[in-house]
Amino acid sequence: MDPESLSKAFVEHYYSTFDTNRGNLGGLYQETSMLSFEGEKIQGGTAIVSKLTSLPFQQCKHNITTVDFQPSGPAGGMLVFVSGNLQLAGEQHTLKFSQMFHLMPTPQGSFYVQNDIFRLNYA
């Protein structure tokens, strides 16, 4: 799969899963994976999913505005940078966010998230 198609397919899968059932994101992370969420560092797939499922809202909708990507290194990794708006259930205003993923290939031919950095963008 070409880098653009891979990046867009990953972004669609990640955010549709996040918006419907965050607990199902566990398969995208490994124990060496790291999440920086608003400056808090969390390592390991189990801990990352625990953090994502404990966020103080049950429902949300990500509206993606940009997806940028670059191949990363000789191992076949991919950097994916996403920006967009986050609509929380019951809230009138959206929150702007940015998120960066470093995807790494698995021996089985798929990808996992090695690094994930999330920030809300305050005006």
PDB file of N, CA and C in Angstrom:
ATOM      1  N   MET A   1       0.847  -1.174   0.000  1.00  0.00           N
ATOM      2  CA  MET A   1       0.000   0.000   0.000  1.00  0.00           C
ATOM      3  C   MET A   1       0.896   1.242   0.000  1.00  0.00           C
ATOM      4  N   ASP A   2       0.546   2.226  -0.804  1.00  0.00           N
ATOM      5  CA  ASP A   2       1.369   3.432  -0.882  1.00  0.00           C
ATOM      6  C   ASP A   2       1.206   4.255   0.402  1.00  0.00           C
ATOM      7  N   PRO A   3       2.187   5.116   0.720  1.00  0.00           N
ATOM      8  CA  PRO A   3       2.160   5.861   1.987  1.00  0.00           C
ATOM      9  C   PRO A   3       0.896   6.703   2.199  1.00  0.00           C
ATOM     10  N   GLU A   4       0.402   7.336   1.153  1.00  0.00           N
ATOM     11  CA  GLU A   4      -0.797   8.162   1.315  1.00  0.00           C
ATOM     12  C   GLU A   4      -2.014   7.312   1.667  1.00  0.00           C
ATOM     13  N   SER A   5      -2.196   6.215   0.944  1.00  0.00           N
ATOM     14  CA  SER A   5      -3.332   5.328   1.225  1.00  0.00           C
ATOM     15  C   SER A   5      -3.226   4.719   2.618  1.00  0.00           C
ATOM     16  N   LEU A   6      -2.018   4.312   2.994  1.00  0.00           N
ATOM     17  CA  LEU A   6      -1.783   3.743   4.319  1.00  0.00           C
ATOM     18  C   LEU A   6      -2.132   4.755   5.409  1.00  0.00           C
ATOM     19  N   SER A   7      -1.642   5.969   5.257  1.00  0.00           N
ATOM     20  CA  SER A   7      -1.891   7.008   6.264  1.00  0.00           C
ATOM     21  C   SER A   7      -3.372   7.304   6.399  1.00  0.00           C
ATOM     22  N   LYS A   8      -4.048   7.474   5.282  1.00  0.00           N
ATOM     23  CA  LYS A   8      -5.470   7.807   5.324  1.00  0.00           C
ATOM     24  C   LYS A   8      -6.300   6.650   5.882  1.00  0.00           C
ATOM     25  N   ALA A   9      -5.942   5.418   5.529  1.00  0.00           N
ATOM     26  CA  ALA A   9      -6.663   4.252   6.057  1.00  0.00           C
ATOM     27  C   ALA A   9      -6.448   4.139   7.564  1.00  0.00           C
ATOM     28  N   PHE A  10      -5.224   4.372   8.017  1.00  0.00           N
ATOM     29  CA  PHE A  10      -4.947   4.321   9.449  1.00  0.00           C
ATOM     30  C   PHE A  10      -5.762   5.370  10.193  1.00  0.00           C
ATOM     31  N   VAL A  11      -5.740   6.616   9.697  1.00  0.00           N
ATOM     32  CA  VAL A  11      -6.449   7.714  10.362  1.00  0.00           C
ATOM     33  C   VAL A  11      -7.944   7.422  10.445  1.00  0.00           C
ATOM     34  N   GLU A  12      -8.515   6.937   9.362  1.00  0.00           N
ATOM     35  CA  GLU A  12      -9.949   6.622   9.380  1.00  0.00           C
ATOM     36  C   GLU A  12     -10.250   5.526  10.404  1.00  0.00           C
ATOM     37  N   HIS A  13      -9.426   4.473  10.407  1.00  0.00           N
ATOM     38  CA  HIS A  13      -9.630   3.367  11.345  1.00  0.00           C
ATOM     39  C   HIS A  13      -9.457   3.836  12.792  1.00  0.00           C
ATOM     40  N   TYR A  14      -8.392   4.569  13.067  1.00  0.00           N
ATOM     41  CA  TYR A  14      -8.101   4.994  14.440  1.00  0.00           C
ATOM     42  C   TYR A  14      -9.244   5.840  15.003  1.00  0.00           C
ATOM     43  N   TYR A  15      -9.638   6.872  14.273  1.00  0.00           N
ATOM     44  CA  TYR A  15     -10.627   7.795  14.835  1.00  0.00           C
ATOM     45  C   TYR A  15     -12.040   7.212  14.839  1.00  0.00           C
ATOM     46  N   SER A  16     -12.378   6.383  13.874  1.00  0.00           N
ATOM     47  CA  SER A  16     -13.709   5.758  13.933  1.00  0.00           C
ATOM     48  C   SER A  16     -13.770   4.787  15.113  1.00  0.00           C
ATOM     49  N   THR A  17     -12.664   4.089  15.394  1.00  0.00           N
ATOM     50  CA  THR A  17     -12.619   3.193  16.551  1.00  0.00           C
ATOM     51  C   THR A  17     -12.640   3.995  17.850  1.00  0.00           C
ATOM     52  N   PHE A  18     -11.849   5.066  17.914  1.00  0.00           N
ATOM     53  CA  PHE A  18     -11.832   5.908  19.109  1.00  0.00           C
ATOM     54  C   PHE A  18     -13.230   6.435  19.404  1.00  0.00           C
ATOM     55  N   ASP A  19     -13.933   6.889  18.385  1.00  0.00           N
ATOM     56  CA  ASP A  19     -15.236   7.517  18.567  1.00  0.00           C
ATOM     57  C   ASP A  19     -16.336   6.519  18.927  1.00  0.00           C
ATOM     58  N   THR A  20     -16.144   5.244  18.603  1.00  0.00           N
ATOM     59  CA  THR A  20     -17.195   4.257  18.862  1.00  0.00           C
ATOM     60  C   THR A  20     -16.867   3.313  20.017  1.00  0.00           C
ATOM     61  N   ASN A  21     -15.582   2.918  20.173  1.00  0.00           N
ATOM     62  CA  ASN A  21     -15.208   2.002  21.250  1.00  0.00           C
ATOM     63  C   ASN A  21     -13.703   2.067  21.478  1.00  0.00           C
ATOM     64  N   ARG A  22     -13.283   3.009  22.320  1.00  0.00           N
ATOM     65  CA  ARG A  22     -11.845   3.237  22.564  1.00  0.00           C
ATOM     66  C   ARG A  22     -11.117   1.985  23.039  1.00  0.00           C
ATOM     67  N   GLY A  23     -11.810   1.104  23.727  1.00  0.00           N
ATOM     68  CA  GLY A  23     -11.176  -0.112  24.219  1.00  0.00           C
ATOM     69  C   GLY A  23     -10.646  -0.995  23.111  1.00  0.00           C
ATOM     70  N   ASN A  24     -11.190  -0.850  21.914  1.00  0.00           N
ATOM     71  CA  ASN A  24     -10.742  -1.665  20.777  1.00  0.00           C
ATOM     72  C   ASN A  24      -9.459  -1.145  20.133  1.00  0.00           C
ATOM     73  N   LEU A  25      -8.881  -0.074  20.650  1.00  0.00           N
ATOM     74  CA  LEU A  25      -7.632   0.457  20.091  1.00  0.00           C
ATOM     75  C   LEU A  25      -6.404  -0.336  20.552  1.00  0.00           C
ATOM     76  N   GLY A  26      -6.578  -1.238  21.497  1.00  0.00           N
ATOM     77  CA  GLY A  26      -5.448  -1.980  22.060  1.00  0.00           C
ATOM     78  C   GLY A  26      -4.595  -2.697  21.039  1.00  0.00           C
ATOM     79  N   GLY A  27      -5.205  -3.207  19.974  1.00  0.00           N
ATOM     80  CA  GLY A  27      -4.456  -3.929  18.948  1.00  0.00           C
ATOM     81  C   GLY A  27      -3.516  -3.052  18.149  1.00  0.00           C
ATOM     82  N   LEU A  28      -3.651  -1.746  18.264  1.00  0.00           N
ATOM     83  CA  LEU A  28      -2.780  -0.829  17.511  1.00  0.00           C
ATOM     84  C   LEU A  28      -1.492  -0.503  18.260  1.00  0.00           C
ATOM     85  N   TYR A  29      -1.421  -0.859  19.544  1.00  0.00           N
ATOM     86  CA  TYR A  29      -0.267  -0.529  20.379  1.00  0.00           C
ATOM     87  C   TYR A  29       0.433  -1.802  20.839  1.00  0.00           C
ATOM     88  N   GLN A  30       1.736  -1.676  21.149  1.00  0.00           N
ATOM     89  CA  GLN A  30       2.495  -2.774  21.729  1.00  0.00           C
ATOM     90  C   GLN A  30       3.058  -2.316  23.068  1.00  0.00           C
ATOM     91  N   GLU A  31       3.724  -3.210  23.778  1.00  0.00           N
ATOM     92  CA  GLU A  31       4.229  -2.854  25.103  1.00  0.00           C
ATOM     93  C   GLU A  31       5.362  -1.827  25.050  1.00  0.00           C
ATOM     94  N   THR A  32       6.006  -1.658  23.886  1.00  0.00           N
ATOM     95  CA  THR A  32       7.044  -0.630  23.753  1.00  0.00           C
ATOM     96  C   THR A  32       6.459   0.709  23.298  1.00  0.00           C
ATOM     97  N   SER A  33       5.175   0.733  22.969  1.00  0.00           N
ATOM     98  CA  SER A  33       4.532   1.960  22.480  1.00  0.00           C
ATOM     99  C   SER A  33       4.467   3.008  23.584  1.00  0.00           C
ATOM    100  N   MET A  34       4.517   4.286  23.166  1.00  0.00           N
ATOM    101  CA  MET A  34       4.408   5.373  24.123  1.00  0.00           C
ATOM    102  C   MET A  34       3.402   6.412  23.637  1.00  0.00           C
ATOM    103  N   LEU A  35       2.564   6.872  24.564  1.00  0.00           N
ATOM    104  CA  LEU A  35       1.610   7.945  24.325  1.00  0.00           C
ATOM    105  C   LEU A  35       2.001   9.137  25.179  1.00  0.00           C
ATOM    106  N   SER A  36       2.062  10.325  24.571  1.00  0.00           N
ATOM    107  CA  SER A  36       2.148  11.581  25.319  1.00  0.00           C
ATOM    108  C   SER A  36       0.808  12.266  25.116  1.00  0.00           C
ATOM    109  N   PHE A  37       0.022  12.354  26.191  1.00  0.00           N
ATOM    110  CA  PHE A  37      -1.319  12.920  26.126  1.00  0.00           C
ATOM    111  C   PHE A  37      -1.337  14.188  26.960  1.00  0.00           C
ATOM    112  N   GLU A  38      -1.350  15.325  26.288  1.00  0.00           N
ATOM    113  CA  GLU A  38      -1.314  16.617  26.982  1.00  0.00           C
ATOM    114  C   GLU A  38      -0.127  16.676  27.951  1.00  0.00           C
ATOM    115  N   GLY A  39       1.016  16.125  27.528  1.00  0.00           N
ATOM    116  CA  GLY A  39       2.237  16.172  28.326  1.00  0.00           C
ATOM    117  C   GLY A  39       2.445  14.993  29.261  1.00  0.00           C
ATOM    118  N   GLU A  40       1.418  14.199  29.505  1.00  0.00           N
ATOM    119  CA  GLU A  40       1.542  13.010  30.359  1.00  0.00           C
ATOM    120  C   GLU A  40       2.034  11.843  29.510  1.00  0.00           C
ATOM    121  N   LYS A  41       3.106  11.192  29.944  1.00  0.00           N
ATOM    122  CA  LYS A  41       3.678  10.077  29.200  1.00  0.00           C
ATOM    123  C   LYS A  41       3.186   8.751  29.761  1.00  0.00           C
ATOM    124  N   ILE A  42       2.697   7.897  28.857  1.00  0.00           N
ATOM    125  CA  ILE A  42       2.178   6.585  29.226  1.00  0.00           C
ATOM    126  C   ILE A  42       2.840   5.563  28.316  1.00  0.00           C
ATOM    127  N   GLN A  43       3.366   4.477  28.877  1.00  0.00           N
ATOM    128  CA  GLN A  43       4.023   3.460  28.060  1.00  0.00           C
ATOM    129  C   GLN A  43       3.323   2.121  28.182  1.00  0.00           C
ATOM    130  N   GLY A  44       3.229   1.432  27.040  1.00  0.00           N
ATOM    131  CA  GLY A  44       2.652   0.095  26.983  1.00  0.00           C
ATOM    132  C   GLY A  44       1.211   0.117  26.533  1.00  0.00           C
ATOM    133  N   GLY A  45       0.867  -0.826  25.678  1.00  0.00           N
ATOM    134  CA  GLY A  45      -0.466  -0.871  25.094  1.00  0.00           C
ATOM    135  C   GLY A  45      -1.584  -0.914  26.116  1.00  0.00           C
ATOM    136  N   THR A  46      -1.431  -1.720  27.164  1.00  0.00           N
ATOM    137  CA  THR A  46      -2.471  -1.848  28.181  1.00  0.00           C
ATOM    138  C   THR A  46      -2.669  -0.524  28.906  1.00  0.00           C
ATOM    139  N   ALA A  47      -1.570   0.129  29.291  1.00  0.00           N
ATOM    140  CA  ALA A  47      -1.652   1.404  30.003  1.00  0.00           C
ATOM    141  C   ALA A  47      -2.228   2.501  29.109  1.00  0.00           C
ATOM    142  N   ILE A  48      -1.875   2.480  27.827  1.00  0.00           N
ATOM    143  CA  ILE A  48      -2.393   3.485  26.892  1.00  0.00           C
ATOM    144  C   ILE A  48      -3.903   3.342  26.748  1.00  0.00           C
ATOM    145  N   VAL A  49      -4.383   2.131  26.547  1.00  0.00           N
ATOM    146  CA  VAL A  49      -5.831   1.924  26.402  1.00  0.00           C
ATOM    147  C   VAL A  49      -6.548   2.285  27.702  1.00  0.00           C
ATOM    148  N   SER A  50      -5.930   1.986  28.835  1.00  0.00           N
ATOM    149  CA  SER A  50      -6.515   2.360  30.121  1.00  0.00           C
ATOM    150  C   SER A  50      -6.663   3.875  30.214  1.00  0.00           C
ATOM    151  N   LYS A  51      -5.652   4.610  29.780  1.00  0.00           N
ATOM    152  CA  LYS A  51      -5.725   6.075  29.783  1.00  0.00           C
ATOM    153  C   LYS A  51      -6.844   6.557  28.859  1.00  0.00           C
ATOM    154  N   LEU A  52      -6.900   6.039  27.648  1.00  0.00           N
ATOM    155  CA  LEU A  52      -7.891   6.498  26.672  1.00  0.00           C
ATOM    156  C   LEU A  52      -9.314   6.180  27.116  1.00  0.00           C
ATOM    157  N   THR A  53      -9.508   5.034  27.746  1.00  0.00           N
ATOM    158  CA  THR A  53     -10.859   4.668  28.181  1.00  0.00           C
ATOM    159  C   THR A  53     -11.264   5.379  29.465  1.00  0.00           C
ATOM    160  N   SER A  54     -10.306   5.974  30.178  1.00  0.00           N
ATOM    161  CA  SER A  54     -10.628   6.683  31.429  1.00  0.00           C
ATOM    162  C   SER A  54     -10.808   8.187  31.220  1.00  0.00           C
ATOM    163  N   LEU A  55     -10.756   8.665  29.990  1.00  0.00           N
ATOM    164  CA  LEU A  55     -10.962  10.086  29.732  1.00  0.00           C
ATOM    165  C   LEU A  55     -12.358  10.490  30.206  1.00  0.00           C
ATOM    166  N   PRO A  56     -12.522  11.738  30.644  1.00  0.00           N
ATOM    167  CA  PRO A  56     -13.770  12.138  31.311  1.00  0.00           C
ATOM    168  C   PRO A  56     -14.958  12.424  30.387  1.00  0.00           C
ATOM    169  N   PHE A  57     -15.056  11.693  29.312  1.00  0.00           N
ATOM    170  CA  PHE A  57     -16.217  11.801  28.419  1.00  0.00           C
ATOM    171  C   PHE A  57     -16.458  10.436  27.801  1.00  0.00           C
ATOM    172  N   GLN A  58     -17.716  10.135  27.546  1.00  0.00           N
ATOM    173  CA  GLN A  58     -18.066   8.832  26.989  1.00  0.00           C
ATOM    174  C   GLN A  58     -18.155   8.857  25.471  1.00  0.00           C
ATOM    175  N   GLN A  59     -18.682   9.949  24.922  1.00  0.00           N
ATOM    176  CA  GLN A  59     -18.874  10.020  23.480  1.00  0.00           C
ATOM    177  C   GLN A  59     -18.183  11.253  22.921  1.00  0.00           C
ATOM    178  N   CYS A  60     -17.643  11.093  21.719  1.00  0.00           N
ATOM    179  CA  CYS A  60     -17.029  12.214  21.027  1.00  0.00           C
ATOM    180  C   CYS A  60     -17.019  11.911  19.530  1.00  0.00           C
ATOM    181  N   LYS A  61     -16.707  12.934  18.760  1.00  0.00           N
ATOM    182  CA  LYS A  61     -16.596  12.783  17.304  1.00  0.00           C
ATOM    183  C   LYS A  61     -15.412  13.612  16.837  1.00  0.00           C
ATOM    184  N   HIS A  62     -14.450  12.947  16.194  1.00  0.00           N
ATOM    185  CA  HIS A  62     -13.314  13.643  15.599  1.00  0.00           C
ATOM    186  C   HIS A  62     -13.663  14.029  14.164  1.00  0.00           C
ATOM    187  N   ASN A  63     -13.444  15.281  13.821  1.00  0.00           N
ATOM    188  CA  ASN A  63     -13.580  15.750  12.444  1.00  0.00           C
ATOM    189  C   ASN A  63     -12.192  16.158  11.969  1.00  0.00           C
ATOM    190  N   ILE A  64     -11.646  15.368  11.071  1.00  0.00           N
ATOM    191  CA  ILE A  64     -10.270  15.557  10.618  1.00  0.00           C
ATOM    192  C   ILE A  64     -10.229  16.636   9.544  1.00  0.00           C
ATOM    193  N   THR A  65      -9.273  17.583   9.694  1.00  0.00           N
ATOM    194  CA  THR A  65      -9.129  18.624   8.681  1.00  0.00           C
ATOM    195  C   THR A  65      -7.878  18.419   7.831  1.00  0.00           C
ATOM    196  N   THR A  66      -6.782  17.919   8.425  1.00  0.00           N
ATOM    197  CA  THR A  66      -5.571  17.660   7.634  1.00  0.00           C
ATOM    198  C   THR A  66      -4.912  16.355   8.083  1.00  0.00           C
ATOM    199  N   VAL A  67      -4.286  15.686   7.133  1.00  0.00           N
ATOM    200  CA  VAL A  67      -3.456  14.510   7.393  1.00  0.00           C
ATOM    201  C   VAL A  67      -2.178  14.690   6.583  1.00  0.00           C
ATOM    202  N   ASP A  68      -1.045  14.785   7.272  1.00  0.00           N
ATOM    203  CA  ASP A  68       0.258  14.862   6.621  1.00  0.00           C
ATOM    204  C   ASP A  68       1.032  13.605   6.977  1.00  0.00           C
ATOM    205  N   PHE A  69       1.889  13.155   6.077  1.00  0.00           N
ATOM    206  CA  PHE A  69       2.603  11.904   6.309  1.00  0.00           C
ATOM    207  C   PHE A  69       3.977  11.961   5.660  1.00  0.00           C
ATOM    208  N   GLN A  70       4.894  11.184   6.217  1.00  0.00           N
ATOM    209  CA  GLN A  70       6.241  11.022   5.662  1.00  0.00           C
ATOM    210  C   GLN A  70       6.731   9.618   5.970  1.00  0.00           C
ATOM    211  N   PRO A  71       7.410   8.977   5.017  1.00  0.00           N
ATOM    212  CA  PRO A  71       8.097   7.727   5.345  1.00  0.00           C
ATOM    213  C   PRO A  71       9.152   8.017   6.418  1.00  0.00           C
ATOM    214  N   SER A  72       9.404   7.050   7.298  1.00  0.00           N
ATOM    215  CA  SER A  72      10.311   7.264   8.416  1.00  0.00           C
ATOM    216  C   SER A  72      11.320   6.131   8.528  1.00  0.00           C
ATOM    217  N   GLY A  73      12.529   6.399   8.078  1.00  0.00           N
ATOM    218  CA  GLY A  73      13.638   5.487   8.301  1.00  0.00           C
ATOM    219  C   GLY A  73      13.635   4.227   7.455  1.00  0.00           C
ATOM    220  N   PRO A  74      14.749   3.505   7.522  1.00  0.00           N
ATOM    221  CA  PRO A  74      14.934   2.314   6.689  1.00  0.00           C
ATOM    222  C   PRO A  74      14.072   1.118   7.096  1.00  0.00           C
ATOM    223  N   ALA A  75      13.495   1.149   8.307  1.00  0.00           N
ATOM    224  CA  ALA A  75      12.680   0.023   8.764  1.00  0.00           C
ATOM    225  C   ALA A  75      11.269   0.048   8.174  1.00  0.00           C
ATOM    226  N   GLY A  76      10.942   1.109   7.425  1.00  0.00           N
ATOM    227  CA  GLY A  76       9.624   1.170   6.798  1.00  0.00           C
ATOM    228  C   GLY A  76       8.555   1.837   7.636  1.00  0.00           C
ATOM    229  N   GLY A  77       8.974   2.657   8.607  1.00  0.00           N
ATOM    230  CA  GLY A  77       8.017   3.355   9.443  1.00  0.00           C
ATOM    231  C   GLY A  77       7.327   4.493   8.702  1.00  0.00           C
ATOM    232  N   MET A  78       6.355   5.098   9.381  1.00  0.00           N
ATOM    233  CA  MET A  78       5.584   6.185   8.784  1.00  0.00           C
ATOM    234  C   MET A  78       5.222   7.184   9.886  1.00  0.00           C
ATOM    235  N   LEU A  79       5.472   8.467   9.609  1.00  0.00           N
ATOM    236  CA  LEU A  79       5.001   9.531  10.487  1.00  0.00           C
ATOM    237  C   LEU A  79       3.691  10.050   9.933  1.00  0.00           C
ATOM    238  N   VAL A  80       2.703  10.190  10.795  1.00  0.00           N
ATOM    239  CA  VAL A  80       1.387  10.691  10.392  1.00  0.00           C
ATOM    240  C   VAL A  80       1.006  11.804  11.357  1.00  0.00           C
ATOM    241  N   PHE A  81       0.750  12.999  10.808  1.00  0.00           N
ATOM    242  CA  PHE A  81       0.372  14.155  11.616  1.00  0.00           C
ATOM    243  C   PHE A  81      -1.051  14.554  11.256  1.00  0.00           C
ATOM    244  N   VAL A  82      -1.903  14.648  12.274  1.00  0.00           N
ATOM    245  CA  VAL A  82      -3.332  14.889  12.063  1.00  0.00           C
ATOM    246  C   VAL A  82      -3.735  16.150  12.819  1.00  0.00           C
ATOM    247  N   SER A  83      -4.569  16.952  12.198  1.00  0.00           N
ATOM    248  CA  SER A  83      -5.196  18.060  12.922  1.00  0.00           C
ATOM    249  C   SER A  83      -6.687  18.022  12.632  1.00  0.00           C
ATOM    250  N   GLY A  84      -7.453  18.572  13.577  1.00  0.00           N
ATOM    251  CA  GLY A  84      -8.886  18.548  13.383  1.00  0.00           C
ATOM    252  C   GLY A  84      -9.625  19.141  14.553  1.00  0.00           C
ATOM    253  N   ASN A  85     -10.906  18.841  14.601  1.00  0.00           N
ATOM    254  CA  ASN A  85     -11.803  19.323  15.649  1.00  0.00           C
ATOM    255  C   ASN A  85     -12.405  18.138  16.381  1.00  0.00           C
ATOM    256  N   LEU A  86     -12.539  18.290  17.675  1.00  0.00           N
ATOM    257  CA  LEU A  86     -13.091  17.256  18.534  1.00  0.00           C
ATOM    258  C   LEU A  86     -14.390  17.776  19.135  1.00  0.00           C
ATOM    259  N   GLN A  87     -15.479  17.075  18.854  1.00  0.00           N
ATOM    260  CA  GLN A  87     -16.788  17.445  19.387  1.00  0.00           C
ATOM    261  C   GLN A  87     -17.154  16.481  20.503  1.00  0.00           C
ATOM    262  N   LEU A  88     -17.279  17.000  21.717  1.00  0.00           N
ATOM    263  CA  LEU A  88     -17.676  16.172  22.843  1.00  0.00           C
ATOM    264  C   LEU A  88     -19.196  16.193  22.963  1.00  0.00           C
ATOM    265  N   ALA A  89     -19.772  15.067  23.325  1.00  0.00           N
ATOM    266  CA  ALA A  89     -21.227  14.968  23.482  1.00  0.00           C
ATOM    267  C   ALA A  89     -21.700  15.977  24.513  1.00  0.00           C
ATOM    268  N   GLY A  90     -22.760  16.717  24.156  1.00  0.00           N
ATOM    269  CA  GLY A  90     -23.340  17.682  25.067  1.00  0.00           C
ATOM    270  C   GLY A  90     -22.644  19.030  25.088  1.00  0.00           C
ATOM    271  N   GLU A  91     -21.547  19.178  24.358  1.00  0.00           N
ATOM    272  CA  GLU A  91     -20.821  20.448  24.312  1.00  0.00           C
ATOM    273  C   GLU A  91     -21.149  21.178  23.015  1.00  0.00           C
ATOM    274  N   GLN A  92     -21.337  22.481  23.116  1.00  0.00           N
ATOM    275  CA  GLN A  92     -21.680  23.268  21.933  1.00  0.00           C
ATOM    276  C   GLN A  92     -20.461  23.541  21.061  1.00  0.00           C
ATOM    277  N   HIS A  93     -19.328  23.826  21.681  1.00  0.00           N
ATOM    278  CA  HIS A  93     -18.136  24.223  20.940  1.00  0.00           C
ATOM    279  C   HIS A  93     -17.197  23.031  20.717  1.00  0.00           C
ATOM    280  N   THR A  94     -16.504  23.047  19.591  1.00  0.00           N
ATOM    281  CA  THR A  94     -15.513  22.010  19.315  1.00  0.00           C
ATOM    282  C   THR A  94     -14.164  22.422  19.890  1.00  0.00           C
ATOM    283  N   LEU A  95     -13.314  21.441  20.109  1.00  0.00           N
ATOM    284  CA  LEU A  95     -11.943  21.653  20.552  1.00  0.00           C
ATOM    285  C   LEU A  95     -11.016  21.328  19.387  1.00  0.00           C
ATOM    286  N   LYS A  96     -10.037  22.172  19.131  1.00  0.00           N
ATOM    287  CA  LYS A  96      -9.051  21.897  18.088  1.00  0.00           C
ATOM    288  C   LYS A  96      -7.969  20.998  18.682  1.00  0.00           C
ATOM    289  N   PHE A  97      -7.505  20.045  17.871  1.00  0.00           N
ATOM    290  CA  PHE A  97      -6.466  19.139  18.350  1.00  0.00           C
ATOM    291  C   PHE A  97      -5.448  18.846  17.247  1.00  0.00           C
ATOM    292  N   SER A  98      -4.282  18.399  17.685  1.00  0.00           N
ATOM    293  CA  SER A  98      -3.242  17.877  16.797  1.00  0.00           C
ATOM    294  C   SER A  98      -2.765  16.561  17.386  1.00  0.00           C
ATOM    295  N   GLN A  99      -2.432  15.628  16.509  1.00  0.00           N
ATOM    296  CA  GLN A  99      -1.946  14.327  16.963  1.00  0.00           C
ATOM    297  C   GLN A  99      -0.933  13.797  15.965  1.00  0.00           C
ATOM    298  N   MET A 100       0.158  13.246  16.486  1.00  0.00           N
ATOM    299  CA  MET A 100       1.205  12.676  15.654  1.00  0.00           C
ATOM    300  C   MET A 100       1.348  11.200  16.002  1.00  0.00           C
ATOM    301  N   PHE A 101       1.421  10.370  14.969  1.00  0.00           N
ATOM    302  CA  PHE A 101       1.634   8.935  15.136  1.00  0.00           C
ATOM    303  C   PHE A 101       2.918   8.534  14.431  1.00  0.00           C
ATOM    304  N   HIS A 102       3.706   7.684  15.078  1.00  0.00           N
ATOM    305  CA  HIS A 102       4.842   7.041  14.420  1.00  0.00           C
ATOM    306  C   HIS A 102       4.458   5.575  14.275  1.00  0.00           C
ATOM    307  N   LEU A 103       4.141   5.188  13.048  1.00  0.00           N
ATOM    308  CA  LEU A 103       3.731   3.812  12.768  1.00  0.00           C
ATOM    309  C   LEU A 103       4.945   2.988  12.383  1.00  0.00           C
ATOM    310  N   MET A 104       5.003   1.775  12.884  1.00  0.00           N
ATOM    311  CA  MET A 104       6.093   0.860  12.557  1.00  0.00           C
ATOM    312  C   MET A 104       5.520  -0.444  12.017  1.00  0.00           C
ATOM    313  N   PRO A 105       6.209  -1.050  11.035  1.00  0.00           N
ATOM    314  CA  PRO A 105       5.701  -2.297  10.464  1.00  0.00           C
ATOM    315  C   PRO A 105       5.886  -3.468  11.425  1.00  0.00           C
ATOM    316  N   THR A 106       4.984  -4.432  11.310  1.00  0.00           N
ATOM    317  CA  THR A 106       5.101  -5.688  12.058  1.00  0.00           C
ATOM    318  C   THR A 106       5.594  -6.772  11.096  1.00  0.00           C
ATOM    319  N   PRO A 107       6.127  -7.867  11.619  1.00  0.00           N
ATOM    320  CA  PRO A 107       6.545  -8.969  10.745  1.00  0.00           C
ATOM    321  C   PRO A 107       5.381  -9.547   9.929  1.00  0.00           C
ATOM    322  N   GLN A 108       4.151  -9.367  10.419  1.00  0.00           N
ATOM    323  CA  GLN A 108       2.977  -9.898   9.722  1.00  0.00           C
ATOM    324  C   GLN A 108       2.520  -9.010   8.567  1.00  0.00           C
ATOM    325  N   GLY A 109       3.167  -7.841   8.398  1.00  0.00           N
ATOM    326  CA  GLY A 109       2.821  -6.974   7.279  1.00  0.00           C
ATOM    327  C   GLY A 109       1.854  -5.851   7.610  1.00  0.00           C
ATOM    328  N   SER A 110       1.472  -5.725   8.880  1.00  0.00           N
ATOM    329  CA  SER A 110       0.610  -4.608   9.266  1.00  0.00           C
ATOM    330  C   SER A 110       1.473  -3.557   9.971  1.00  0.00           C
ATOM    331  N   PHE A 111       0.833  -2.611  10.643  1.00  0.00           N
ATOM    332  CA  PHE A 111       1.553  -1.561  11.359  1.00  0.00           C
ATOM    333  C   PHE A 111       1.009  -1.437  12.768  1.00  0.00           C
ATOM    334  N   TYR A 112       1.859  -0.953  13.672  1.00  0.00           N
ATOM    335  CA  TYR A 112       1.419  -0.627  15.018  1.00  0.00           C
ATOM    336  C   TYR A 112       1.898   0.782  15.344  1.00  0.00           C
ATOM    337  N   VAL A 113       1.312   1.382  16.380  1.00  0.00           N
ATOM    338  CA  VAL A 113       1.680   2.730  16.807  1.00  0.00           C
ATOM    339  C   VAL A 113       2.823   2.629  17.808  1.00  0.00           C
ATOM    340  N   GLN A 114       4.011   3.071  17.405  1.00  0.00           N
ATOM    341  CA  GLN A 114       5.151   3.099  18.323  1.00  0.00           C
ATOM    342  C   GLN A 114       5.083   4.344  19.206  1.00  0.00           C
ATOM    343  N   ASN A 115       4.757   5.492  18.601  1.00  0.00           N
ATOM    344  CA  ASN A 115       4.658   6.749  19.339  1.00  0.00           C
ATOM    345  C   ASN A 115       3.375   7.463  18.946  1.00  0.00           C
ATOM    346  N   ASP A 116       2.767   8.107  19.936  1.00  0.00           N
ATOM    347  CA  ASP A 116       1.500   8.813  19.757  1.00  0.00           C
ATOM    348  C   ASP A 116       1.569  10.055  20.638  1.00  0.00           C
ATOM    349  N   ILE A 117       1.468  11.236  20.029  1.00  0.00           N
ATOM    350  CA  ILE A 117       1.513  12.494  20.781  1.00  0.00           C
ATOM    351  C   ILE A 117       0.224  13.254  20.485  1.00  0.00           C
ATOM    352  N   PHE A 118      -0.511  13.572  21.538  1.00  0.00           N
ATOM    353  CA  PHE A 118      -1.797  14.272  21.396  1.00  0.00           C
ATOM    354  C   PHE A 118      -1.754  15.585  22.157  1.00  0.00           C
ATOM    355  N   ARG A 119      -2.249  16.657  21.513  1.00  0.00           N
ATOM    356  CA  ARG A 119      -2.388  17.964  22.165  1.00  0.00           C
ATOM    357  C   ARG A 119      -3.660  18.656  21.709  1.00  0.00           C
ATOM    358  N   LEU A 120      -4.361  19.256  22.668  1.00  0.00           N
ATOM    359  CA  LEU A 120      -5.420  20.188  22.326  1.00  0.00           C
ATOM    360  C   LEU A 120      -4.748  21.494  21.936  1.00  0.00           C
ATOM    361  N   ASN A 121      -5.309  22.209  20.969  1.00  0.00           N
ATOM    362  CA  ASN A 121      -4.747  23.479  20.511  1.00  0.00           C
ATOM    363  C   ASN A 121      -5.633  24.608  21.024  1.00  0.00           C
ATOM    364  N   TYR A 122      -5.134  25.302  22.020  1.00  0.00           N
ATOM    365  CA  TYR A 122      -5.900  26.398  22.607  1.00  0.00           C
ATOM    366  C   TYR A 122      -5.585  27.696  21.880  1.00  0.00           C
ATOM    367  N   ALA A 123      -6.612  28.502  21.635  1.00  0.00           N
ATOM    368  CA  ALA A 123      -6.411  29.786  20.936  1.00  0.00           C
ATOM    369  C   ALA A 123      -5.975  30.851  21.921  1.00  0.00           C
TER     370      ALA A 123
END
